[in-house]
PDB file of N, CA and C in Angstrom:
ATOM      1  N   MET A   1      -1.997   6.667  25.738  1.00  0.00           N
ATOM      2  CA  MET A   1      -2.908   6.984  24.745  1.00  0.00           C
ATOM      3  C   MET A   1      -3.619   5.586  24.465  1.00  0.00           C
ATOM      4  N   THR A   2      -5.011   5.584  24.500  1.00  0.00           N
ATOM      5  CA  THR A   2      -5.698   4.363  24.310  1.00  0.00           C
ATOM      6  C   THR A   2      -5.525   3.930  22.880  1.00  0.00           C
ATOM      7  N   LEU A   3      -6.023   2.637  22.694  1.00  0.00           N
ATOM      8  CA  LEU A   3      -6.270   2.113  21.381  1.00  0.00           C
ATOM      9  C   LEU A   3      -7.086   2.919  20.557  1.00  0.00           C
ATOM     10  N   ALA A   4      -8.383   3.179  21.030  1.00  0.00           N
ATOM     11  CA  ALA A   4      -9.402   4.072  20.370  1.00  0.00           C
ATOM     12  C   ALA A   4      -8.988   5.310  19.968  1.00  0.00           C
ATOM     13  N   ALA A   5      -8.136   6.021  20.727  1.00  0.00           N
ATOM     14  CA  ALA A   5      -7.506   7.320  20.366  1.00  0.00           C
ATOM     15  C   ALA A   5      -6.548   7.211  19.303  1.00  0.00           C
ATOM     16  N   ARG A   6      -5.684   6.186  19.296  1.00  0.00           N
ATOM     17  CA  ARG A   6      -4.714   6.011  18.284  1.00  0.00           C
ATOM     18  C   ARG A   6      -5.515   5.651  16.965  1.00  0.00           C
ATOM     19  N   GLN A   7      -6.347   4.883  17.086  1.00  0.00           N
ATOM     20  CA  GLN A   7      -7.137   4.624  15.807  1.00  0.00           C
ATOM     21  C   GLN A   7      -7.924   5.842  15.198  1.00  0.00           C
ATOM     22  N   GLN A   8      -8.611   6.747  15.915  1.00  0.00           N
ATOM     23  CA  GLN A   8      -9.157   7.970  15.650  1.00  0.00           C
ATOM     24  C   GLN A   8      -8.164   8.800  14.967  1.00  0.00           C
ATOM     25  N   LYS A   9      -7.009   9.076  15.685  1.00  0.00           N
ATOM     26  CA  LYS A   9      -6.075   9.788  14.783  1.00  0.00           C
ATOM     27  C   LYS A   9      -5.694   9.324  13.618  1.00  0.00           C
ATOM     28  N   ARG A  10      -5.343   8.088  13.384  1.00  0.00           N
ATOM     29  CA  ARG A  10      -4.946   7.431  12.156  1.00  0.00           C
ATOM     30  C   ARG A  10      -6.054   7.770  11.146  1.00  0.00           C
ATOM     31  N   GLN A  11      -7.398   7.377  11.495  1.00  0.00           N
ATOM     32  CA  GLN A  11      -8.442   7.654  10.523  1.00  0.00           C
ATOM     33  C   GLN A  11      -8.464   9.055  10.152  1.00  0.00           C
ATOM     34  N   ARG A  12      -8.440   9.999  11.025  1.00  0.00           N
ATOM     35  CA  ARG A  12      -8.290  11.451  10.756  1.00  0.00           C
ATOM     36  C   ARG A  12      -7.183  11.800   9.811  1.00  0.00           C
ATOM     37  N   ARG A  13      -5.891  11.250   9.925  1.00  0.00           N
ATOM     38  CA  ARG A  13      -4.910  11.430   8.970  1.00  0.00           C
ATOM     39  C   ARG A  13      -5.172  10.881   7.574  1.00  0.00           C
ATOM     40  N   HIS A  14      -5.979   9.576   7.708  1.00  0.00           N
ATOM     41  CA  HIS A  14      -6.273   8.962   6.364  1.00  0.00           C
ATOM     42  C   HIS A  14      -7.363   9.743   5.655  1.00  0.00           C
ATOM     43  N   ARG A  15      -8.228  10.232   6.386  1.00  0.00           N
ATOM     44  CA  ARG A  15      -9.334  11.087   5.611  1.00  0.00           C
ATOM     45  C   ARG A  15      -8.548  12.326   5.021  1.00  0.00           C
ATOM     46  N   ARG A  16      -7.589  12.874   5.727  1.00  0.00           N
ATOM     47  CA  ARG A  16      -6.991  14.017   5.113  1.00  0.00           C
ATOM     48  C   ARG A  16      -6.114  13.706   3.852  1.00  0.00           C
ATOM     49  N   VAL A  17      -5.472  12.419   3.916  1.00  0.00           N
ATOM     50  CA  VAL A  17      -4.738  11.967   2.752  1.00  0.00           C
ATOM     51  C   VAL A  17      -5.785  11.701   1.764  1.00  0.00           C
ATOM     52  N   ARG A  18      -6.879  10.889   1.817  1.00  0.00           N
ATOM     53  CA  ARG A  18      -7.707  10.568   0.835  1.00  0.00           C
ATOM     54  C   ARG A  18      -8.359  11.749   0.325  1.00  0.00           C
ATOM     55  N   ALA A  19      -8.524  12.904   0.999  1.00  0.00           N
ATOM     56  CA  ALA A  19      -8.986  14.009   0.248  1.00  0.00           C
ATOM     57  C   ALA A  19      -8.226  14.652  -0.773  1.00  0.00           C
ATOM     58  N   LYS A  20      -6.962  14.144  -0.889  1.00  0.00           N
ATOM     59  CA  LYS A  20      -5.961  14.742  -1.978  1.00  0.00           C
ATOM     60  C   LYS A  20      -5.671  13.649  -3.007  1.00  0.00           C
ATOM     61  N   VAL A  21      -5.812  12.279  -2.495  1.00  0.00           N
ATOM     62  CA  VAL A  21      -5.211  11.331  -3.400  1.00  0.00           C
ATOM     63  C   VAL A  21      -6.357  10.549  -4.036  1.00  0.00           C
ATOM     64  N   PHE A  22      -6.569  10.541  -5.402  1.00  0.00           N
ATOM     65  CA  PHE A  22      -7.510   9.774  -6.210  1.00  0.00           C
ATOM     66  C   PHE A  22      -6.957   9.035  -7.184  1.00  0.00           C
ATOM     67  N   GLY A  23      -7.307   7.616  -7.407  1.00  0.00           N
ATOM     68  CA  GLY A  23      -6.759   6.748  -8.236  1.00  0.00           C
ATOM     69  C   GLY A  23      -7.706   6.798  -9.586  1.00  0.00           C
ATOM     70  N   SER A  24      -7.031   6.961 -10.810  1.00  0.00           N
ATOM     71  CA  SER A  24      -7.668   6.968 -12.059  1.00  0.00           C
ATOM     72  C   SER A  24      -7.261   5.666 -12.767  1.00  0.00           C
ATOM     73  N   ALA A  25      -7.791   5.550 -14.077  1.00  0.00           N
ATOM     74  CA  ALA A  25      -7.415   4.604 -14.932  1.00  0.00           C
ATOM     75  C   ALA A  25      -5.893   4.740 -15.449  1.00  0.00           C
ATOM     76  N   ASP A  26      -5.368   6.022 -15.554  1.00  0.00           N
ATOM     77  CA  ASP A  26      -4.048   6.242 -16.019  1.00  0.00           C
ATOM     78  C   ASP A  26      -3.047   5.863 -14.833  1.00  0.00           C
ATOM     79  N   ARG A  27      -3.420   6.319 -13.570  1.00  0.00           N
ATOM     80  CA  ARG A  27      -2.664   6.257 -12.430  1.00  0.00           C
ATOM     81  C   ARG A  27      -3.363   5.719 -11.196  1.00  0.00           C
ATOM     82  N   PRO A  28      -3.696   4.464 -11.189  1.00  0.00           N
ATOM     83  CA  PRO A  28      -4.426   4.001  -9.924  1.00  0.00           C
ATOM     84  C   PRO A  28      -3.955   4.186  -8.624  1.00  0.00           C
ATOM     85  N   ARG A  29      -4.484   4.067  -7.601  1.00  0.00           N
ATOM     86  CA  ARG A  29      -4.138   4.325  -6.342  1.00  0.00           C
ATOM     87  C   ARG A  29      -3.573   3.122  -5.522  1.00  0.00           C
ATOM     88  N   LEU A  30      -2.359   3.221  -5.007  1.00  0.00           N
ATOM     89  CA  LEU A  30      -1.711   2.052  -4.178  1.00  0.00           C
ATOM     90  C   LEU A  30      -2.054   2.313  -2.646  1.00  0.00           C
ATOM     91  N   ALA A  31      -3.082   1.544  -2.261  1.00  0.00           N
ATOM     92  CA  ALA A  31      -3.475   1.759  -0.934  1.00  0.00           C
ATOM     93  C   ALA A  31      -2.784   0.772  -0.097  1.00  0.00           C
ATOM     94  N   VAL A  32      -2.236   1.082   1.073  1.00  0.00           N
ATOM     95  CA  VAL A  32      -1.556   0.227   2.095  1.00  0.00           C
ATOM     96  C   VAL A  32      -2.133   0.313   3.381  1.00  0.00           C
ATOM     97  N   TYR A  33      -2.302  -0.772   3.917  1.00  0.00           N
ATOM     98  CA  TYR A  33      -2.905  -0.955   5.496  1.00  0.00           C
ATOM     99  C   TYR A  33      -1.763  -1.851   6.130  1.00  0.00           C
ATOM    100  N   LYS A  34      -1.534  -1.354   7.284  1.00  0.00           N
ATOM    101  CA  LYS A  34      -0.547  -2.255   8.091  1.00  0.00           C
ATOM    102  C   LYS A  34      -1.235  -2.487   9.444  1.00  0.00           C
ATOM    103  N   SER A  35      -1.046  -3.784   9.677  1.00  0.00           N
ATOM    104  CA  SER A  35      -1.616  -4.372  11.102  1.00  0.00           C
ATOM    105  C   SER A  35      -0.459  -4.624  11.793  1.00  0.00           C
ATOM    106  N   ASN A  36      -0.552  -5.217  13.095  1.00  0.00           N
ATOM    107  CA  ASN A  36       0.560  -5.641  13.912  1.00  0.00           C
ATOM    108  C   ASN A  36       1.350  -6.842  13.256  1.00  0.00           C
ATOM    109  N   ASN A  37       0.493  -7.573  12.452  1.00  0.00           N
ATOM    110  CA  ASN A  37       1.102  -8.829  11.903  1.00  0.00           C
ATOM    111  C   ASN A  37       1.348  -8.886  10.571  1.00  0.00           C
ATOM    112  N   ALA A  38       0.845  -7.940   9.762  1.00  0.00           N
ATOM    113  CA  ALA A  38       0.995  -7.996   8.372  1.00  0.00           C
ATOM    114  C   ALA A  38       0.686  -6.683   7.563  1.00  0.00           C
ATOM    115  N   LEU A  39       1.033  -6.629   6.438  1.00  0.00           N
ATOM    116  CA  LEU A  39       1.079  -5.455   5.506  1.00  0.00           C
ATOM    117  C   LEU A  39       0.076  -5.914   4.289  1.00  0.00           C
ATOM    118  N   TYR A  40      -0.893  -5.212   4.028  1.00  0.00           N
ATOM    119  CA  TYR A  40      -1.797  -5.371   3.094  1.00  0.00           C
ATOM    120  C   TYR A  40      -1.860  -4.096   1.832  1.00  0.00           C
ATOM    121  N   ALA A  41      -1.766  -4.505   0.647  1.00  0.00           N
ATOM    122  CA  ALA A  41      -1.655  -3.527  -0.310  1.00  0.00           C
ATOM    123  C   ALA A  41      -2.700  -3.848  -1.485  1.00  0.00           C
ATOM    124  N   GLN A  42      -3.309  -2.817  -2.040  1.00  0.00           N
ATOM    125  CA  GLN A  42      -4.283  -2.950  -3.125  1.00  0.00           C
ATOM    126  C   GLN A  42      -3.928  -1.813  -4.174  1.00  0.00           C
ATOM    127  N   ILE A  43      -3.940  -2.141  -5.546  1.00  0.00           N
ATOM    128  CA  ILE A  43      -3.998  -1.165  -6.412  1.00  0.00           C
ATOM    129  C   ILE A  43      -5.380  -0.905  -6.965  1.00  0.00           C
ATOM    130  N   ILE A  44      -5.822   0.151  -6.791  1.00  0.00           N
ATOM    131  CA  ILE A  44      -7.398   0.460  -6.824  1.00  0.00           C
ATOM    132  C   ILE A  44      -7.557   1.628  -7.995  1.00  0.00           C
ATOM    133  N   ASP A  45      -8.570   1.300  -8.978  1.00  0.00           N
ATOM    134  CA  ASP A  45      -8.903   2.174  -9.793  1.00  0.00           C
ATOM    135  C   ASP A  45     -10.197   2.963  -9.306  1.00  0.00           C
ATOM    136  N   ASP A  46     -10.109   4.192  -8.685  1.00  0.00           N
ATOM    137  CA  ASP A  46     -11.323   4.749  -7.932  1.00  0.00           C
ATOM    138  C   ASP A  46     -12.502   5.229  -8.882  1.00  0.00           C
ATOM    139  N   SER A  47     -11.924   5.592 -10.250  1.00  0.00           N
ATOM    140  CA  SER A  47     -13.146   5.796 -11.083  1.00  0.00           C
ATOM    141  C   SER A  47     -13.967   4.736 -11.580  1.00  0.00           C
ATOM    142  N   LYS A  48     -13.514   3.618 -11.405  1.00  0.00           N
ATOM    143  CA  LYS A  48     -14.241   2.330 -11.788  1.00  0.00           C
ATOM    144  C   LYS A  48     -14.735   1.780 -10.370  1.00  0.00           C
ATOM    145  N   GLY A  49     -13.952   1.960  -9.285  1.00  0.00           N
ATOM    146  CA  GLY A  49     -14.312   1.266  -8.057  1.00  0.00           C
ATOM    147  C   GLY A  49     -13.952  -0.035  -7.991  1.00  0.00           C
ATOM    148  N   ALA A  50     -12.672  -0.403  -8.745  1.00  0.00           N
ATOM    149  CA  ALA A  50     -12.415  -1.735  -9.085  1.00  0.00           C
ATOM    150  C   ALA A  50     -10.809  -1.965  -8.343  1.00  0.00           C
ATOM    151  N   THR A  51     -10.676  -3.144  -7.821  1.00  0.00           N
ATOM    152  CA  THR A  51      -9.325  -3.474  -7.338  1.00  0.00           C
ATOM    153  C   THR A  51      -8.613  -4.308  -8.408  1.00  0.00           C
ATOM    154  N   LEU A  52      -7.335  -3.654  -8.907  1.00  0.00           N
ATOM    155  CA  LEU A  52      -6.668  -4.212 -10.086  1.00  0.00           C
ATOM    156  C   LEU A  52      -5.853  -5.496  -9.520  1.00  0.00           C
ATOM    157  N   ALA A  53      -5.051  -5.288  -8.352  1.00  0.00           N
ATOM    158  CA  ALA A  53      -4.100  -6.328  -7.866  1.00  0.00           C
ATOM    159  C   ALA A  53      -4.072  -6.079  -6.258  1.00  0.00           C
ATOM    160  N   ALA A  54      -3.855  -7.169  -5.628  1.00  0.00           N
ATOM    161  CA  ALA A  54      -3.839  -6.996  -4.216  1.00  0.00           C
ATOM    162  C   ALA A  54      -2.693  -7.952  -3.718  1.00  0.00           C
ATOM    163  N   VAL A  55      -2.268  -7.597  -2.493  1.00  0.00           N
ATOM    164  CA  VAL A  55      -1.183  -8.635  -1.885  1.00  0.00           C
ATOM    165  C   VAL A  55      -1.302  -8.497  -0.367  1.00  0.00           C
ATOM    166  N   ALA A  56      -1.096  -9.698   0.332  1.00  0.00           N
ATOM    167  CA  ALA A  56      -0.976  -9.649   1.773  1.00  0.00           C
ATOM    168  C   ALA A  56       0.402 -10.253   2.277  1.00  0.00           C
ATOM    169  N   SER A  57       1.053  -9.512   3.034  1.00  0.00           N
ATOM    170  CA  SER A  57       2.368 -10.202   3.566  1.00  0.00           C
ATOM    171  C   SER A  57       2.227 -11.282   4.730  1.00  0.00           C
ATOM    172  N   SER A  58       0.941 -11.507   5.092  1.00  0.00           N
ATOM    173  CA  SER A  58       0.735 -12.284   6.183  1.00  0.00           C
ATOM    174  C   SER A  58       0.881 -13.774   5.904  1.00  0.00           C
ATOM    175  N   LYS A  59       0.927 -14.089   4.650  1.00  0.00           N
ATOM    176  CA  LYS A  59       1.048 -15.600   4.309  1.00  0.00           C
ATOM    177  C   LYS A  59       2.517 -15.905   4.323  1.00  0.00           C
ATOM    178  N   GLU A  60       3.449 -15.242   4.528  1.00  0.00           N
ATOM    179  CA  GLU A  60       4.732 -15.567   4.440  1.00  0.00           C
ATOM    180  C   GLU A  60       5.397 -15.836   5.791  1.00  0.00           C
ATOM    181  N   LYS A  61       5.407 -17.168   6.194  1.00  0.00           N
ATOM    182  CA  LYS A  61       5.881 -17.325   7.683  1.00  0.00           C
ATOM    183  C   LYS A  61       7.249 -17.348   7.543  1.00  0.00           C
ATOM    184  N   GLY A  62       7.909 -17.250   8.882  1.00  0.00           N
ATOM    185  CA  GLY A  62       9.422 -17.367   9.130  1.00  0.00           C
ATOM    186  C   GLY A  62      10.185 -16.096   8.648  1.00  0.00           C
ATOM    187  N   LYS A  63       9.594 -15.306   8.138  1.00  0.00           N
ATOM    188  CA  LYS A  63      10.444 -14.082   7.677  1.00  0.00           C
ATOM    189  C   LYS A  63      10.412 -12.687   8.539  1.00  0.00           C
ATOM    190  N   THR A  64      11.409 -11.932   8.481  1.00  0.00           N
ATOM    191  CA  THR A  64      11.251 -10.708   9.305  1.00  0.00           C
ATOM    192  C   THR A  64      10.231  -9.707   8.539  1.00  0.00           C
ATOM    193  N   PRO A  65       9.623  -8.677   9.305  1.00  0.00           N
ATOM    194  CA  PRO A  65       8.818  -7.865   8.599  1.00  0.00           C
ATOM    195  C   PRO A  65       9.332  -6.955   7.452  1.00  0.00           C
ATOM    196  N   ARG A  66      10.578  -6.801   7.518  1.00  0.00           N
ATOM    197  CA  ARG A  66      11.232  -6.208   6.473  1.00  0.00           C
ATOM    198  C   ARG A  66      11.327  -6.912   5.232  1.00  0.00           C
ATOM    199  N   GLU A  67      11.534  -8.354   5.410  1.00  0.00           N
ATOM    200  CA  GLU A  67      11.616  -9.371   4.278  1.00  0.00           C
ATOM    201  C   GLU A  67      10.258  -9.435   3.711  1.00  0.00           C
ATOM    202  N   ARG A  68       9.341  -9.651   4.602  1.00  0.00           N
ATOM    203  CA  ARG A  68       7.949  -9.603   4.114  1.00  0.00           C
ATOM    204  C   ARG A  68       7.380  -8.533   3.339  1.00  0.00           C
ATOM    205  N   ALA A  69       7.797  -7.229   3.665  1.00  0.00           N
ATOM    206  CA  ALA A  69       7.419  -6.124   2.972  1.00  0.00           C
ATOM    207  C   ALA A  69       8.146  -6.062   1.730  1.00  0.00           C
ATOM    208  N   GLU A  70       9.276  -6.472   1.617  1.00  0.00           N
ATOM    209  CA  GLU A  70       9.947  -6.301   0.195  1.00  0.00           C
ATOM    210  C   GLU A  70       9.498  -7.392  -0.616  1.00  0.00           C
ATOM    211  N   SER A  71       9.154  -8.569  -0.135  1.00  0.00           N
ATOM    212  CA  SER A  71       8.586  -9.631  -1.153  1.00  0.00           C
ATOM    213  C   SER A  71       6.970  -9.373  -1.567  1.00  0.00           C
ATOM    214  N   ALA A  72       6.369  -8.701  -0.602  1.00  0.00           N
ATOM    215  CA  ALA A  72       5.139  -8.343  -0.974  1.00  0.00           C
ATOM    216  C   ALA A  72       5.048  -7.251  -2.044  1.00  0.00           C
ATOM    217  N   ALA A  73       5.966  -6.176  -1.983  1.00  0.00           N
ATOM    218  CA  ALA A  73       6.021  -5.125  -2.912  1.00  0.00           C
ATOM    219  C   ALA A  73       6.449  -5.717  -4.287  1.00  0.00           C
ATOM    220  N   ALA A  74       7.348  -6.681  -4.341  1.00  0.00           N
ATOM    221  CA  ALA A  74       7.916  -7.162  -5.465  1.00  0.00           C
ATOM    222  C   ALA A  74       6.654  -8.041  -6.251  1.00  0.00           C
ATOM    223  N   THR A  75       5.876  -8.694  -5.485  1.00  0.00           N
ATOM    224  CA  THR A  75       4.741  -9.533  -5.954  1.00  0.00           C
ATOM    225  C   THR A  75       3.540  -8.551  -6.520  1.00  0.00           C
ATOM    226  N   LEU A  76       3.384  -7.593  -5.619  1.00  0.00           N
ATOM    227  CA  LEU A  76       2.275  -6.506  -6.209  1.00  0.00           C
ATOM    228  C   LEU A  76       2.765  -5.661  -7.379  1.00  0.00           C
ATOM    229  N   ALA A  77       4.068  -5.533  -7.631  1.00  0.00           N
ATOM    230  CA  ALA A  77       4.504  -4.917  -8.832  1.00  0.00           C
ATOM    231  C   ALA A  77       4.606  -5.740 -10.032  1.00  0.00           C
ATOM    232  N   LYS A  78       4.717  -6.923  -9.669  1.00  0.00           N
ATOM    233  CA  LYS A  78       4.561  -7.994 -10.809  1.00  0.00           C
ATOM    234  C   LYS A  78       3.054  -8.061 -11.305  1.00  0.00           C
ATOM    235  N   ARG A  79       2.161  -8.168 -10.435  1.00  0.00           N
ATOM    236  CA  ARG A  79       0.903  -8.356 -10.737  1.00  0.00           C
ATOM    237  C   ARG A  79       0.385  -6.942 -11.466  1.00  0.00           C
ATOM    238  N   ALA A  80       0.877  -5.981 -11.115  1.00  0.00           N
ATOM    239  CA  ALA A  80       0.454  -4.705 -11.541  1.00  0.00           C
ATOM    240  C   ALA A  80       0.889  -4.482 -13.046  1.00  0.00           C
ATOM    241  N   HIS A  81       2.242  -5.001 -13.361  1.00  0.00           N
ATOM    242  CA  HIS A  81       2.716  -4.992 -14.619  1.00  0.00           C
ATOM    243  C   HIS A  81       2.080  -5.936 -15.615  1.00  0.00           C
ATOM    244  N   GLU A  82       1.297  -7.084 -14.927  1.00  0.00           N
ATOM    245  CA  GLU A  82       0.584  -8.029 -15.788  1.00  0.00           C
ATOM    246  C   GLU A  82      -0.587  -7.373 -16.270  1.00  0.00           C
ATOM    247  N   LYS A  83      -1.012  -6.376 -15.449  1.00  0.00           N
ATOM    248  CA  LYS A  83      -2.442  -5.650 -15.733  1.00  0.00           C
ATOM    249  C   LYS A  83      -2.139  -4.649 -16.546  1.00  0.00           C
ATOM    250  N   GLY A  84      -0.949  -4.110 -16.707  1.00  0.00           N
ATOM    251  CA  GLY A  84      -0.570  -2.947 -17.460  1.00  0.00           C
ATOM    252  C   GLY A  84      -0.584  -1.633 -16.577  1.00  0.00           C
ATOM    253  N   VAL A  85      -0.160  -1.675 -15.456  1.00  0.00           N
ATOM    254  CA  VAL A  85      -0.084  -0.672 -14.653  1.00  0.00           C
ATOM    255  C   VAL A  85       1.360  -0.300 -14.424  1.00  0.00           C
ATOM    256  N   LYS A  86       1.810   0.893 -14.797  1.00  0.00           N
ATOM    257  CA  LYS A  86       3.299   1.173 -14.542  1.00  0.00           C
ATOM    258  C   LYS A  86       3.418   2.219 -13.501  1.00  0.00           C
ATOM    259  N   ALA A  87       2.336   3.205 -13.363  1.00  0.00           N
ATOM    260  CA  ALA A  87       2.538   4.387 -12.579  1.00  0.00           C
ATOM    261  C   ALA A  87       1.315   4.233 -11.596  1.00  0.00           C
ATOM    262  N   VAL A  88       1.335   4.697 -10.297  1.00  0.00           N
ATOM    263  CA  VAL A  88       0.447   4.794  -9.349  1.00  0.00           C
ATOM    264  C   VAL A  88       0.635   6.067  -8.495  1.00  0.00           C
ATOM    265  N   VAL A  89      -0.456   6.435  -7.629  1.00  0.00           N
ATOM    266  CA  VAL A  89      -0.418   7.292  -6.615  1.00  0.00           C
ATOM    267  C   VAL A  89      -0.280   6.612  -5.310  1.00  0.00           C
ATOM    268  N   PHE A  90       0.640   7.008  -4.328  1.00  0.00           N
ATOM    269  CA  PHE A  90       0.614   6.340  -3.184  1.00  0.00           C
ATOM    270  C   PHE A  90      -0.240   6.729  -2.006  1.00  0.00           C
ATOM    271  N   ASP A  91      -0.946   5.857  -1.496  1.00  0.00           N
ATOM    272  CA  ASP A  91      -2.047   6.260  -0.401  1.00  0.00           C
ATOM    273  C   ASP A  91      -1.496   5.449   0.818  1.00  0.00           C
ATOM    274  N   ARG A  92      -0.784   6.175   1.819  1.00  0.00           N
ATOM    275  CA  ARG A  92      -0.075   5.599   3.009  1.00  0.00           C
ATOM    276  C   ARG A  92      -1.033   5.206   4.088  1.00  0.00           C
ATOM    277  N   GLY A  93      -2.411   5.439   3.778  1.00  0.00           N
ATOM    278  CA  GLY A  93      -3.423   5.012   4.828  1.00  0.00           C
ATOM    279  C   GLY A  93      -3.376   5.762   6.096  1.00  0.00           C
ATOM    280  N   GLY A  94      -2.904   6.899   6.244  1.00  0.00           N
ATOM    281  CA  GLY A  94      -2.760   7.518   7.560  1.00  0.00           C
ATOM    282  C   GLY A  94      -1.565   7.179   8.293  1.00  0.00           C
ATOM    283  N   PHE A  95      -0.845   6.089   7.856  1.00  0.00           N
ATOM    284  CA  PHE A  95       0.350   5.667   8.618  1.00  0.00           C
ATOM    285  C   PHE A  95       1.584   6.480   8.284  1.00  0.00           C
ATOM    286  N   GLN A  96       2.468   6.585   9.244  1.00  0.00           N
ATOM    287  CA  GLN A  96       3.704   7.447   8.911  1.00  0.00           C
ATOM    288  C   GLN A  96       4.431   6.764   7.952  1.00  0.00           C
ATOM    289  N   TYR A  97       5.356   7.472   7.064  1.00  0.00           N
ATOM    290  CA  TYR A  97       6.042   6.983   6.184  1.00  0.00           C
ATOM    291  C   TYR A  97       7.368   6.661   6.730  1.00  0.00           C
ATOM    292  N   VAL A  98       7.427   5.578   7.382  1.00  0.00           N
ATOM    293  CA  VAL A  98       8.675   5.217   8.111  1.00  0.00           C
ATOM    294  C   VAL A  98       8.579   3.610   8.397  1.00  0.00           C
ATOM    295  N   GLY A  99       9.684   2.908   8.493  1.00  0.00           N
ATOM    296  CA  GLY A  99       9.851   1.491   8.963  1.00  0.00           C
ATOM    297  C   GLY A  99       9.230   0.628   7.764  1.00  0.00           C
ATOM    298  N   THR A 100       8.326  -0.147   8.017  1.00  0.00           N
ATOM    299  CA  THR A 100       7.846  -1.168   7.150  1.00  0.00           C
ATOM    300  C   THR A 100       7.279  -0.553   5.854  1.00  0.00           C
ATOM    301  N   LEU A 101       6.511   0.467   6.243  1.00  0.00           N
ATOM    302  CA  LEU A 101       5.757   1.299   5.052  1.00  0.00           C
ATOM    303  C   LEU A 101       6.970   1.888   4.065  1.00  0.00           C
ATOM    304  N   ARG A 102       7.769   2.303   4.504  1.00  0.00           N
ATOM    305  CA  ARG A 102       8.904   2.899   3.708  1.00  0.00           C
ATOM    306  C   ARG A 102       9.515   1.907   3.008  1.00  0.00           C
ATOM    307  N   ILE A 103       9.955   0.726   3.648  1.00  0.00           N
ATOM    308  CA  ILE A 103      10.648  -0.390   2.991  1.00  0.00           C
ATOM    309  C   ILE A 103       9.589  -0.880   1.824  1.00  0.00           C
ATOM    310  N   PHE A 104       8.410  -0.999   2.079  1.00  0.00           N
ATOM    311  CA  PHE A 104       7.434  -1.568   1.020  1.00  0.00           C
ATOM    312  C   PHE A 104       7.541  -0.521  -0.275  1.00  0.00           C
ATOM    313  N   ALA A 105       7.448   0.788  -0.033  1.00  0.00           N
ATOM    314  CA  ALA A 105       7.508   1.767  -1.026  1.00  0.00           C
ATOM    315  C   ALA A 105       8.761   1.722  -1.803  1.00  0.00           C
ATOM    316  N   ASP A 106       9.880   1.658  -1.161  1.00  0.00           N
ATOM    317  CA  ASP A 106      11.103   1.566  -1.765  1.00  0.00           C
ATOM    318  C   ASP A 106      11.254   0.256  -2.680  1.00  0.00           C
ATOM    319  N   ALA A 107      10.600  -0.602  -2.148  1.00  0.00           N
ATOM    320  CA  ALA A 107      10.783  -2.002  -2.955  1.00  0.00           C
ATOM    321  C   ALA A 107       9.966  -2.116  -4.113  1.00  0.00           C
ATOM    322  N   ALA A 108       8.787  -1.383  -3.892  1.00  0.00           N
ATOM    323  CA  ALA A 108       7.938  -1.239  -5.034  1.00  0.00           C
ATOM    324  C   ALA A 108       8.497  -0.427  -6.116  1.00  0.00           C
ATOM    325  N   ARG A 109       9.051   0.604  -5.684  1.00  0.00           N
ATOM    326  CA  ARG A 109       9.744   1.355  -6.850  1.00  0.00           C
ATOM    327  C   ARG A 109      10.889   0.695  -7.389  1.00  0.00           C
ATOM    328  N   ALA A 110      11.716  -0.135  -6.636  1.00  0.00           N
ATOM    329  CA  ALA A 110      12.679  -0.887  -7.291  1.00  0.00           C
ATOM    330  C   ALA A 110      12.305  -2.027  -8.308  1.00  0.00           C
ATOM    331  N   ALA A 111      10.953  -2.479  -7.831  1.00  0.00           N
ATOM    332  CA  ALA A 111      10.471  -3.402  -8.770  1.00  0.00           C
ATOM    333  C   ALA A 111       9.660  -2.880  -9.917  1.00  0.00           C
ATOM    334  N   GLY A 112       9.684  -1.589 -10.051  1.00  0.00           N
ATOM    335  CA  GLY A 112       9.229  -1.015 -11.484  1.00  0.00           C
ATOM    336  C   GLY A 112       7.983  -0.082 -11.333  1.00  0.00           C
ATOM    337  N   LEU A 113       7.193  -0.004 -10.379  1.00  0.00           N
ATOM    338  CA  LEU A 113       6.330   0.979  -9.912  1.00  0.00           C
ATOM    339  C   LEU A 113       6.671   2.397  -9.891  1.00  0.00           C
ATOM    340  N   GLU A 114       6.097   3.441 -10.676  1.00  0.00           N
ATOM    341  CA  GLU A 114       6.486   4.631 -10.497  1.00  0.00           C
ATOM    342  C   GLU A 114       5.487   5.531  -9.586  1.00  0.00           C
ATOM    343  N   PHE A 115       5.961   6.062  -8.532  1.00  0.00           N
ATOM    344  CA  PHE A 115       5.094   7.080  -7.861  1.00  0.00           C
ATOM    345  C   PHE A 115       6.021   8.001  -6.903  1.00  0.00           C
TER     346      PHE A 115
END
């Protein structure tokens, strides 16, 4: 399968997820994007169109992808709590809920985010 075909399939899954997931002021959306090198996550209030907190795991050199995902989740949860966010809806971005994405989600829950 070519790269373009994989990207199209992920974008189709992402549109399907986004049709059901909407972040509000009470429960903003935790959107995750995963590249080959890094994991990016944002907490977004869709009603205002504002990003409340963001984190990228690419800045942490010398760690395994698992360690980077866990520390990124802890950092994001800390920033969310500073903004007063305790509960979010999880937007997996069309990616399968396995591997690094699952580790990130579990670490975010352990750090105090509810979803």
